[in-house]
N, C-alpha and C. Protein backbone atom coordinates (compact mmCIF):
# COMPACT_ATOMS: atom_id res chain seq x y z
N UNK A 1 130.45 131.05 46.97
CA UNK A 1 130.32 129.71 46.27
C UNK A 1 130.90 129.37 44.84
N UNK A 2 131.70 128.12 44.70
CA UNK A 2 132.13 127.98 43.56
C UNK A 2 132.07 126.78 42.85
N UNK A 3 131.39 126.82 41.62
CA UNK A 3 131.15 125.29 40.72
C UNK A 3 131.64 125.14 39.68
N UNK A 4 131.74 124.25 39.36
CA UNK A 4 132.80 123.71 38.10
C UNK A 4 131.65 122.89 37.15
N UNK A 5 132.11 123.04 35.92
CA UNK A 5 131.16 122.25 34.76
C UNK A 5 131.88 122.43 34.05
N UNK A 6 132.32 121.13 32.96
CA UNK A 6 133.02 120.81 31.68
C UNK A 6 134.03 121.97 31.39
N UNK A 7 135.21 122.33 32.43
CA UNK A 7 136.11 123.12 32.06
C UNK A 7 136.13 124.28 32.48
N UNK A 8 134.56 124.97 33.12
CA UNK A 8 133.98 126.23 33.47
C UNK A 8 133.97 126.25 34.91
N UNK A 9 134.41 127.40 35.35
CA UNK A 9 134.36 127.63 36.94
C UNK A 9 133.32 129.06 37.28
N UNK A 10 132.39 128.77 37.80
CA UNK A 10 131.57 130.01 38.43
C UNK A 10 132.23 130.30 39.66
N UNK A 11 132.13 131.32 40.24
CA UNK A 11 132.40 131.74 41.48
C UNK A 11 131.47 132.67 41.55
N UNK A 12 130.23 132.70 42.74
CA UNK A 12 129.01 133.45 42.84
C UNK A 12 129.38 134.07 44.13
N UNK A 13 128.98 135.41 43.97
CA UNK A 13 128.93 136.10 45.49
C UNK A 13 127.81 137.04 45.10
N UNK A 14 127.29 137.33 46.36
CA UNK A 14 126.11 138.54 46.44
C UNK A 14 126.82 139.80 46.48
N UNK A 15 126.48 140.76 46.07
CA UNK A 15 126.98 142.27 45.94
C UNK A 15 125.26 142.99 46.83
N UNK A 16 125.37 144.06 46.74
CA UNK A 16 124.17 145.13 47.43
C UNK A 16 122.97 145.10 45.85
N UNK A 17 122.30 143.90 46.36
CA UNK A 17 121.16 143.51 45.40
C UNK A 17 121.30 143.12 44.22
N UNK A 18 122.42 142.51 44.01
CA UNK A 18 122.89 142.25 42.83
C UNK A 18 123.58 140.75 43.25
N UNK A 19 123.30 139.54 42.51
CA UNK A 19 124.33 138.18 42.24
C UNK A 19 125.45 138.70 41.34
N UNK A 20 126.66 138.22 41.35
CA UNK A 20 127.70 138.51 40.58
C UNK A 20 128.37 137.20 40.69
N UNK A 21 128.51 136.98 39.29
CA UNK A 21 129.00 135.52 38.49
C UNK A 21 130.37 135.79 37.90
N UNK A 22 131.46 135.35 38.44
CA UNK A 22 132.93 135.30 37.96
C UNK A 22 132.81 134.13 37.34
N UNK A 23 133.00 134.34 35.98
CA UNK A 23 132.86 132.94 35.05
C UNK A 23 134.38 132.98 34.26
N UNK A 24 135.16 131.59 34.49
CA UNK A 24 136.22 131.72 34.34
C UNK A 24 136.47 130.22 33.51
N UNK A 25 136.99 130.45 32.49
CA UNK A 25 137.38 129.15 31.50
C UNK A 25 138.79 128.54 31.95
N UNK A 26 138.76 127.40 32.66
CA UNK A 26 139.66 126.86 32.99
C UNK A 26 140.42 125.83 32.31
N UNK A 27 139.91 125.20 31.23
CA UNK A 27 140.16 124.14 30.30
C UNK A 27 139.48 124.12 29.24
N UNK A 28 140.17 123.47 28.28
CA UNK A 28 139.47 123.15 26.90
C UNK A 28 138.46 122.03 27.04
N UNK A 29 137.43 122.10 26.79
CA UNK A 29 136.63 120.68 26.95
C UNK A 29 135.92 120.25 25.95
N UNK A 30 136.06 118.77 25.48
CA UNK A 30 134.99 118.42 24.26
C UNK A 30 133.58 118.62 24.12
N UNK A 31 133.32 118.64 25.30
CA UNK A 31 131.76 119.03 25.46
C UNK A 31 131.67 120.64 26.08
N UNK A 32 130.44 121.08 25.40
CA UNK A 32 130.23 122.61 26.13
C UNK A 32 128.95 122.34 27.13
N UNK A 33 129.10 123.20 28.12
CA UNK A 33 127.53 122.85 28.97
C UNK A 33 126.89 124.23 28.48
N UNK A 34 125.81 123.68 28.72
CA UNK A 34 124.77 124.91 28.64
C UNK A 34 124.66 125.94 29.54
N UNK A 35 125.86 127.01 29.37
CA UNK A 35 126.21 128.02 30.48
C UNK A 35 125.13 128.80 31.10
N UNK A 36 124.01 128.95 29.90
CA UNK A 36 122.96 130.10 30.10
C UNK A 36 121.83 129.51 31.11
N UNK A 37 121.69 127.99 30.94
CA UNK A 37 120.95 127.05 32.09
C UNK A 37 121.68 127.32 33.41
N UNK A 38 122.72 127.06 32.98
CA UNK A 38 123.74 126.92 34.43
C UNK A 38 123.58 128.11 35.37
N UNK A 39 123.98 129.18 34.74
CA UNK A 39 124.06 130.51 35.17
C UNK A 39 122.55 130.84 35.79
N UNK A 40 121.46 130.87 34.78
CA UNK A 40 120.46 131.13 35.28
C UNK A 40 119.87 130.33 36.42
N UNK A 41 120.48 128.98 36.73
CA UNK A 41 119.64 128.14 37.55
C UNK A 41 120.66 128.76 39.20
N UNK A 42 121.43 129.27 38.95
CA UNK A 42 122.57 129.85 40.09
C UNK A 42 121.60 130.96 40.56
N UNK A 43 121.34 131.75 39.52
CA UNK A 43 120.70 133.31 39.95
C UNK A 43 119.08 132.97 40.65
N UNK A 44 118.17 131.65 40.08
CA UNK A 44 117.18 131.42 40.67
C UNK A 44 117.39 131.15 42.33
N UNK A 45 118.41 130.25 42.23
CA UNK A 45 118.70 129.24 43.36
C UNK A 45 118.83 130.55 44.41
N UNK A 46 119.53 131.77 43.92
CA UNK A 46 119.92 132.93 44.88
C UNK A 46 118.80 133.84 45.12
N UNK A 47 117.82 133.60 44.25
CA UNK A 47 116.79 134.42 44.47
C UNK A 47 116.65 135.84 43.80
N UNK A 48 117.65 135.99 42.91
CA UNK A 48 117.98 137.48 42.56
C UNK A 48 117.39 137.45 40.98
N UNK A 49 117.16 138.72 40.50
CA UNK A 49 116.81 139.14 39.43
C UNK A 49 117.92 140.05 38.61
N UNK A 50 118.88 140.32 39.35
CA UNK A 50 119.78 141.44 39.01
C UNK A 50 121.01 140.44 39.10
N UNK A 51 121.93 140.59 37.63
CA UNK A 51 123.16 139.76 37.62
C UNK A 51 124.08 140.28 36.73
N UNK A 52 125.27 140.02 37.31
CA UNK A 52 126.69 140.72 36.70
C UNK A 52 127.56 139.78 36.47
N UNK A 53 127.79 139.55 35.22
CA UNK A 53 128.51 138.23 34.58
C UNK A 53 129.88 138.88 34.38
N UNK A 54 131.08 138.69 34.87
CA UNK A 54 132.44 138.96 35.15
C UNK A 54 133.32 137.92 34.41
N UNK A 55 133.98 138.32 33.28
CA UNK A 55 134.62 137.54 32.75
C UNK A 55 136.01 137.93 33.18
N UNK A 56 137.03 136.56 33.11
CA UNK A 56 138.03 137.02 33.27
C UNK A 56 138.97 137.14 32.06
N UNK A 57 140.38 137.89 32.27
CA UNK A 57 140.83 137.96 31.10
C UNK A 57 141.46 137.01 30.06
N UNK A 58 141.51 136.13 30.30
CA UNK A 58 141.78 134.77 29.43
C UNK A 58 140.67 133.93 29.15
N UNK A 59 139.39 134.74 29.01
CA UNK A 59 138.28 133.95 28.09
C UNK A 59 138.07 135.23 27.06
N UNK A 60 138.19 134.32 25.97
CA UNK A 60 137.81 135.05 24.62
C UNK A 60 136.20 134.93 24.29
N UNK A 61 135.74 136.13 24.07
CA UNK A 61 134.22 135.84 23.68
C UNK A 61 134.23 135.41 22.20
N UNK A 62 133.76 133.95 22.04
CA UNK A 62 133.74 133.21 20.68
C UNK A 62 131.94 132.79 20.90
N UNK A 63 131.64 132.78 19.53
CA UNK A 63 130.48 132.55 19.12
C UNK A 63 129.51 131.59 20.12
N UNK A 64 130.12 130.65 20.52
CA UNK A 64 129.41 129.78 21.58
C UNK A 64 129.06 130.68 22.91
N UNK A 65 129.95 131.35 23.38
CA UNK A 65 129.80 132.18 24.78
C UNK A 65 129.01 133.08 24.40
N UNK A 66 128.95 134.09 23.24
CA UNK A 66 128.33 135.33 23.04
C UNK A 66 127.03 134.50 23.01
N UNK A 67 126.56 133.68 22.34
CA UNK A 67 125.01 132.77 22.10
C UNK A 67 124.85 132.67 23.56
N UNK A 68 125.63 132.17 24.48
CA UNK A 68 125.05 131.54 25.75
C UNK A 68 124.60 132.94 26.55
N UNK A 69 125.50 134.24 26.25
CA UNK A 69 125.29 135.24 27.13
C UNK A 69 123.78 136.28 26.30
N UNK A 70 123.74 135.79 25.22
CA UNK A 70 122.59 136.26 24.87
C UNK A 70 121.15 135.69 25.26
N UNK A 71 121.03 134.32 25.29
CA UNK A 71 120.21 133.53 25.94
C UNK A 71 119.87 133.93 27.24
N UNK A 72 121.15 134.28 27.76
CA UNK A 72 120.76 134.34 29.47
C UNK A 72 120.35 135.64 29.61
N UNK A 73 120.50 136.57 28.75
CA UNK A 73 120.14 138.27 28.73
C UNK A 73 118.51 138.15 28.38
N UNK A 74 118.12 137.43 27.45
CA UNK A 74 116.57 137.26 27.00
C UNK A 74 116.00 136.51 28.17
N UNK A 75 116.63 135.76 28.81
CA UNK A 75 115.92 134.84 29.95
C UNK A 75 115.69 135.99 31.22
N UNK A 76 116.88 136.50 31.47
CA UNK A 76 116.90 137.56 32.64
C UNK A 76 115.95 138.69 32.44
N UNK A 77 116.12 139.25 31.21
CA UNK A 77 114.82 140.22 30.75
C UNK A 77 113.45 139.71 30.86
N UNK A 78 113.28 138.48 30.43
CA UNK A 78 111.87 138.16 30.26
C UNK A 78 111.25 137.72 31.79
N UNK A 79 112.04 137.53 32.85
CA UNK A 79 111.88 137.47 34.23
C UNK A 79 111.42 139.18 35.00
N UNK A 80 111.89 139.85 34.14
CA UNK A 80 112.02 141.09 34.57
C UNK A 80 113.29 141.87 35.35
N UNK A 81 114.18 141.18 35.19
CA UNK A 81 115.50 141.31 35.69
C UNK A 81 116.31 142.03 34.77
N UNK A 82 117.85 142.25 35.20
CA UNK A 82 118.96 142.84 34.59
C UNK A 82 119.94 142.01 34.47
N UNK A 83 120.76 142.33 33.25
CA UNK A 83 122.02 141.44 33.14
C UNK A 83 123.14 142.66 32.53
N UNK A 84 124.45 142.67 33.25
CA UNK A 84 125.37 143.24 33.06
C UNK A 84 126.65 142.50 32.92
N UNK A 85 127.20 143.12 31.89
CA UNK A 85 128.75 142.58 31.99
C UNK A 85 129.79 143.38 32.44
N UNK A 86 130.63 142.66 33.24
CA UNK A 86 132.14 143.52 33.80
C UNK A 86 133.31 142.87 33.31
N UNK A 87 134.44 143.34 33.58
CA UNK A 87 135.60 143.07 33.52
C UNK A 87 135.91 142.62 31.88
N UNK A 88 135.54 142.64 31.01
CA UNK A 88 135.80 142.13 29.51
C UNK A 88 137.27 142.85 29.39
N UNK A 89 138.09 142.11 28.80
CA UNK A 89 139.26 142.61 27.80
C UNK A 89 138.85 143.56 26.82
N UNK A 90 139.91 144.41 26.62
CA UNK A 90 139.74 145.35 25.62
C UNK A 90 139.37 144.56 24.22
N UNK A 91 139.82 143.44 24.08
CA UNK A 91 139.62 142.64 22.91
C UNK A 91 138.27 142.30 22.83
N UNK A 92 137.66 141.66 23.91
CA UNK A 92 136.04 141.34 24.13
C UNK A 92 135.30 142.48 23.67
N UNK A 93 135.75 143.52 24.14
CA UNK A 93 134.79 144.67 24.09
C UNK A 93 135.15 144.87 22.40
N UNK A 94 136.03 144.60 22.04
CA UNK A 94 135.98 145.14 20.40
C UNK A 94 134.82 143.80 19.66
N UNK A 95 135.23 142.71 20.28
CA UNK A 95 134.59 141.59 19.75
C UNK A 95 132.79 142.07 19.75
N UNK A 96 132.31 142.30 20.63
CA UNK A 96 131.13 142.79 20.76
C UNK A 96 130.74 143.76 20.12
N UNK A 97 131.55 144.87 20.17
CA UNK A 97 131.26 146.01 19.51
C UNK A 97 131.27 145.70 17.49
N UNK A 98 131.99 144.58 17.45
CA UNK A 98 132.16 144.27 15.67
C UNK A 98 130.74 143.65 15.75
N UNK A 99 130.20 143.27 16.52
CA UNK A 99 128.86 142.48 16.27
C UNK A 99 127.62 143.50 16.39
N UNK A 100 128.14 144.57 16.64
CA UNK A 100 126.91 145.57 17.60
C UNK A 100 126.12 144.97 18.44
N UNK A 101 126.78 144.30 19.48
CA UNK A 101 126.02 143.64 20.57
C UNK A 101 126.64 144.72 21.81
N UNK A 102 127.41 145.61 21.53
CA UNK A 102 127.62 146.54 22.72
C UNK A 102 126.31 147.41 23.00
N UNK A 103 125.62 147.20 21.76
CA UNK A 103 124.13 147.94 22.02
C UNK A 103 123.02 147.21 22.59
N UNK A 104 123.55 146.19 22.63
CA UNK A 104 122.72 145.08 23.64
C UNK A 104 123.21 144.78 25.28
N UNK A 105 124.15 144.69 25.20
CA UNK A 105 124.68 144.27 26.82
C UNK A 105 124.87 145.69 27.35
N UNK A 106 124.81 145.95 28.58
CA UNK A 106 125.43 147.01 29.41
C UNK A 106 126.78 146.32 29.85
N UNK A 107 127.85 146.87 29.26
CA UNK A 107 129.29 146.59 29.58
C UNK A 107 129.73 147.58 30.63
N UNK A 108 130.43 147.34 31.63
CA UNK A 108 131.13 148.08 32.73
C UNK A 108 132.60 147.38 33.00
N UNK A 109 133.53 148.30 33.39
CA UNK A 109 134.87 147.94 33.74
C UNK A 109 135.09 146.83 34.75
N UNK A 110 133.93 147.02 35.94
CA UNK A 110 134.28 146.24 36.88
C UNK A 110 133.07 145.79 37.69
N UNK A 111 132.47 144.61 38.41
CA UNK A 111 131.58 144.50 38.62
C UNK A 111 130.69 145.81 39.95
N UNK A 112 131.86 146.43 40.68
CA UNK A 112 131.64 147.61 41.50
C UNK A 112 131.06 148.71 40.51
N UNK A 113 131.53 149.16 39.32
CA UNK A 113 131.10 149.91 38.40
C UNK A 113 130.11 149.43 37.78
N UNK A 114 129.62 148.27 37.72
CA UNK A 114 128.40 147.90 37.08
C UNK A 114 127.33 147.92 38.01
N UNK A 115 127.52 147.98 39.63
CA UNK A 115 126.74 147.91 40.55
C UNK A 115 126.16 149.58 40.47
N UNK A 116 127.18 150.33 40.51
CA UNK A 116 126.86 152.09 40.53
C UNK A 116 126.64 152.34 39.46
N UNK A 117 126.71 151.61 38.28
CA UNK A 117 126.36 152.23 37.07
C UNK A 117 127.61 153.47 36.59
N UNK A 118 128.60 153.32 36.74
CA UNK A 118 129.77 153.92 35.92
C UNK A 118 129.98 153.07 34.61
N UNK A 119 129.44 153.66 33.80
CA UNK A 119 129.61 152.84 32.54
C UNK A 119 130.68 153.47 31.67
N UNK A 120 131.39 152.70 30.95
CA UNK A 120 132.52 153.37 29.82
C UNK A 120 131.79 153.84 28.82
N UNK A 121 131.47 154.95 28.36
CA UNK A 121 131.11 155.65 26.88
C UNK A 121 132.07 156.50 26.42
N UNK A 122 132.03 156.49 25.04
CA UNK A 122 132.68 157.30 24.04
C UNK A 122 132.00 158.47 23.89
N UNK A 123 132.65 159.55 24.20
CA UNK A 123 132.25 160.83 24.06
C UNK A 123 131.22 161.03 22.29
N UNK A 124 130.30 161.61 22.37
CA UNK A 124 129.88 162.24 21.06
C UNK A 124 130.51 162.52 19.68
N UNK A 125 130.66 162.18 18.75
CA UNK A 125 131.35 162.80 17.74
C UNK A 125 130.58 162.91 16.66
N UNK A 126 130.93 164.03 15.87
CA UNK A 126 130.15 164.47 14.98
C UNK A 126 130.36 163.61 13.62
N UNK A 127 129.17 163.07 12.82
CA UNK A 127 129.58 162.33 11.56
C UNK A 127 129.80 163.05 10.72
N UNK A 128 130.23 162.39 9.75
CA UNK A 128 131.03 162.84 8.56
C UNK A 128 130.14 162.60 7.60
N UNK A 129 129.29 163.78 7.02
CA UNK A 129 128.01 163.38 6.31
C UNK A 129 126.62 163.32 6.46
N UNK A 130 125.91 163.16 5.78
CA UNK A 130 124.54 162.56 6.10
C UNK A 130 124.80 161.05 6.17
N UNK A 131 125.15 160.18 5.38
CA UNK A 131 124.96 158.72 5.71
C UNK A 131 125.79 158.20 6.64
N UNK A 132 126.59 159.09 7.38
CA UNK A 132 127.50 158.78 8.47
C UNK A 132 126.55 158.29 9.54
N UNK A 133 126.69 156.78 10.32
CA UNK A 133 126.26 156.97 11.55
C UNK A 133 126.85 157.53 12.73
N UNK A 134 125.79 157.92 13.75
CA UNK A 134 126.16 158.81 14.54
C UNK A 134 126.97 157.63 15.59
N UNK A 135 127.96 158.19 16.08
CA UNK A 135 128.79 157.68 17.10
C UNK A 135 128.47 157.78 18.63
N UNK A 136 127.36 157.94 18.85
CA UNK A 136 126.81 158.32 20.68
C UNK A 136 127.29 156.92 21.41
N UNK A 137 127.75 157.56 22.13
CA UNK A 137 127.90 156.73 23.70
C UNK A 137 128.19 155.43 23.25
N UNK A 138 129.32 154.95 22.73
CA UNK A 138 129.39 153.61 22.46
C UNK A 138 130.40 153.08 23.28
N UNK A 139 130.05 151.81 24.09
CA UNK A 139 131.04 151.37 25.20
C UNK A 139 132.34 150.95 24.54
N UNK A 140 133.36 151.35 25.30
CA UNK A 140 134.67 150.61 24.83
C UNK A 140 135.45 150.79 26.15
N UNK A 141 136.68 150.06 26.01
CA UNK A 141 137.59 149.89 27.25
C UNK A 141 138.80 150.46 26.64
N UNK A 142 139.17 151.61 26.89
CA UNK A 142 140.37 152.44 26.36
C UNK A 142 140.32 153.40 27.33
N UNK A 143 141.66 154.20 27.72
CA UNK A 143 142.00 154.94 28.67
C UNK A 143 141.26 156.41 28.41
N UNK A 144 141.20 156.67 26.78
CA UNK A 144 140.61 157.98 26.46
C UNK A 144 139.06 158.40 26.91
N UNK A 145 138.56 157.05 27.23
CA UNK A 145 137.01 157.26 27.21
C UNK A 145 136.85 157.58 28.57
N UNK A 146 135.32 158.13 28.80
CA UNK A 146 135.22 158.60 30.25
C UNK A 146 134.08 157.62 30.93
N UNK A 147 134.08 158.18 32.26
CA UNK A 147 133.16 157.25 33.27
C UNK A 147 131.85 158.21 33.53
N UNK A 148 130.77 157.97 32.94
CA UNK A 148 129.65 158.61 33.08
C UNK A 148 128.53 158.17 34.06
């Protein structure tokens, strides 16, 4: 099922126990839709609680979209569901890391990986000194990282 709204396209499919929403930015629009509400209504319409949002390579995570994903994540979580992100470009993964949101969102390389939980993680690194934060299993999109 494909839906369009204010320059955005949602392509919705059902996976094994999951609703997968492919989010694609088609064009710049003056008015920004409430994507969280729109995706939430699609999820409720399909009767699911487990959601994977896949972004295309052309969609940049800017403050508006990050805010909408956070809002959607809270809504899904309060309903007892799960939200996972998939297909993010390395640039978008770095944006989430920079905001420390890689600790909030579960990020996977593909929807298939999100369904079967093959999460990309960084192996543990030893911290340099007592004040250095531990670098435990941070999500990244880079060939040097391992699937767990």
